[in-house]
């Protein structure tokens, strides 16, 4: 198994990456070709669609950044971690927990849950 902290850190770095070309390269480097992302608000298959989803989050929340909350953990080819999304240096108005399935050390499937969302 790939280290849970490494998986979670790379994942958060991807979601914080503002440069679309760099974001696509990160997806190529750390996600499988058939990767899938799904949460209550959006879903996408493949690097191109996932990169577009991330770009949409940047457009909607231009001054927000993702941070890890707590310690990631995992077993086998699965990793679980929580994250916060908000302005740098303040509380996270949005929080979630993601479950990641790996294949050969790369992210293959992400199921995301929103734990706290403002009204």
Protein backbone atom coordinates (compact mmCIF):
# COMPACT_ATOMS: atom_id res chain seq x y z
CA UNK A 1 0.00 0.00 0.00
CA UNK A 2 1.09 3.55 -0.68
CA UNK A 3 1.48 5.68 2.45
CA UNK A 4 -1.88 7.24 3.40
CA UNK A 5 -0.27 10.59 4.24
CA UNK A 6 1.39 10.75 0.81
CA UNK A 7 -1.86 9.94 -0.99
CA UNK A 8 -3.80 12.55 0.98
CA UNK A 9 -1.12 15.22 0.58
CA UNK A 10 -0.90 14.72 -3.19
CA UNK A 11 -4.68 14.79 -3.40
CA UNK A 12 -4.93 18.10 -1.53
CA UNK A 13 -2.09 19.56 -3.62
CA UNK A 14 -4.02 18.61 -6.77
CA UNK A 15 -7.19 20.33 -5.57
CA UNK A 16 -5.18 23.45 -4.69
CA UNK A 17 -3.32 23.59 -8.03
CA UNK A 18 -4.45 26.67 -9.97
CA UNK A 19 -2.48 26.02 -13.16
CA UNK A 20 -4.61 23.81 -15.48
CA UNK A 21 -1.60 22.25 -17.23
CA UNK A 22 0.11 21.40 -13.95
CA UNK A 23 -3.18 20.00 -12.62
CA UNK A 24 -3.49 17.70 -15.66
CA UNK A 25 0.10 16.54 -15.19
CA UNK A 26 -0.57 15.75 -11.53
CA UNK A 27 -3.60 13.69 -12.54
CA UNK A 28 -1.50 11.81 -15.10
CA UNK A 29 1.25 11.17 -12.53
CA UNK A 30 -0.88 10.05 -9.57
CA UNK A 31 -4.25 8.85 -10.90
CA UNK A 32 -5.13 5.89 -13.11
CA UNK A 33 -6.27 6.48 -16.68
CA UNK A 34 -9.80 5.31 -15.82
CA UNK A 35 -10.03 7.28 -12.57
CA UNK A 36 -13.46 8.25 -11.27
CA UNK A 37 -14.53 10.97 -8.83
CA UNK A 38 -17.98 11.23 -7.24
CA UNK A 39 -19.47 13.32 -4.43
CA UNK A 40 -23.00 14.60 -3.69
CA UNK A 41 -22.57 17.61 -6.00
CA UNK A 42 -20.48 16.40 -8.93
CA UNK A 43 -18.83 13.46 -10.62
CA UNK A 44 -16.41 12.80 -13.42
CA UNK A 45 -14.57 10.03 -15.23
CA UNK A 46 -11.02 10.38 -16.48
CA UNK A 47 -8.36 13.03 -16.00
CA UNK A 48 -9.91 15.60 -18.32
CA UNK A 49 -13.29 15.60 -16.56
CA UNK A 50 -11.76 15.54 -13.09
CA UNK A 51 -9.49 18.48 -14.00
CA UNK A 52 -12.57 20.37 -15.19
CA UNK A 53 -14.40 19.66 -11.91
CA UNK A 54 -11.45 21.00 -9.93
CA UNK A 55 -11.29 24.09 -12.15
CA UNK A 56 -14.98 24.70 -11.42
CA UNK A 57 -14.30 24.66 -7.67
CA UNK A 58 -11.55 27.25 -8.21
CA UNK A 59 -13.95 29.47 -10.15
CA UNK A 60 -16.65 29.22 -7.50
CA UNK A 61 -14.28 29.71 -4.53
CA UNK A 62 -11.34 31.74 -5.91
CA UNK A 63 -9.88 32.66 -2.50
CA UNK A 64 -10.38 29.26 -0.82
CA UNK A 65 -7.84 26.49 -0.32
CA UNK A 66 -8.09 22.89 0.77
CA UNK A 67 -6.30 21.66 3.89
CA UNK A 68 -6.12 18.27 5.56
CA UNK A 69 -7.99 17.84 8.83
CA UNK A 70 -6.55 15.23 11.17
CA UNK A 71 -4.47 12.26 10.10
CA UNK A 72 -5.22 10.19 7.02
CA UNK A 73 -5.52 6.45 7.53
CA UNK A 74 -5.95 3.44 5.37
CA UNK A 75 -5.65 -0.27 4.85
CA UNK A 76 -4.96 -2.34 1.77
CA UNK A 77 -5.63 -0.18 -1.26
CA UNK A 78 -7.95 2.23 0.54
CA UNK A 79 -7.27 5.62 2.13
CA UNK A 80 -9.60 7.85 4.15
CA UNK A 81 -9.04 11.46 5.13
CA UNK A 82 -10.92 14.62 5.99
CA UNK A 83 -10.37 18.05 4.52
CA UNK A 84 -11.50 21.63 4.94
CA UNK A 85 -12.11 24.28 2.30
CA UNK A 86 -11.97 27.95 3.18
CA UNK A 87 -9.97 31.15 3.07
CA UNK A 88 -6.33 30.83 4.08
CA UNK A 89 -5.80 31.38 7.80
CA UNK A 90 -9.44 31.05 8.88
CA UNK A 91 -11.98 28.36 9.75
CA UNK A 92 -13.24 26.06 7.02
CA UNK A 93 -16.88 26.75 6.19
CA UNK A 94 -16.87 23.58 4.08
CA UNK A 95 -15.56 20.21 5.30
CA UNK A 96 -15.64 16.74 3.89
CA UNK A 97 -14.29 13.21 4.05
CA UNK A 98 -13.00 11.34 1.03
CA UNK A 99 -12.49 7.63 0.53
CA UNK A 100 -9.85 6.76 -2.05
CA UNK A 101 -9.33 3.42 -3.75
CA UNK A 102 -5.87 2.85 -5.18
CA UNK A 103 -4.60 0.65 -7.96
CA UNK A 104 -0.86 0.05 -8.10
CA UNK A 105 -0.30 3.06 -5.81
CA UNK A 106 -2.35 5.43 -7.98
CA UNK A 107 -5.80 6.86 -7.29
CA UNK A 108 -8.48 4.95 -9.16
CA UNK A 109 -11.71 5.95 -7.46
CA UNK A 110 -12.73 8.69 -5.04
CA UNK A 111 -16.01 8.80 -3.16
CA UNK A 112 -16.43 12.11 -1.38
CA UNK A 113 -18.81 13.11 1.39
CA UNK A 114 -19.65 16.65 2.50
CA UNK A 115 -19.61 16.80 6.28
CA UNK A 116 -20.31 20.53 6.68
CA UNK A 117 -21.72 22.92 4.09
CA UNK A 118 -23.08 26.40 4.83
CA UNK A 119 -26.80 26.91 4.33
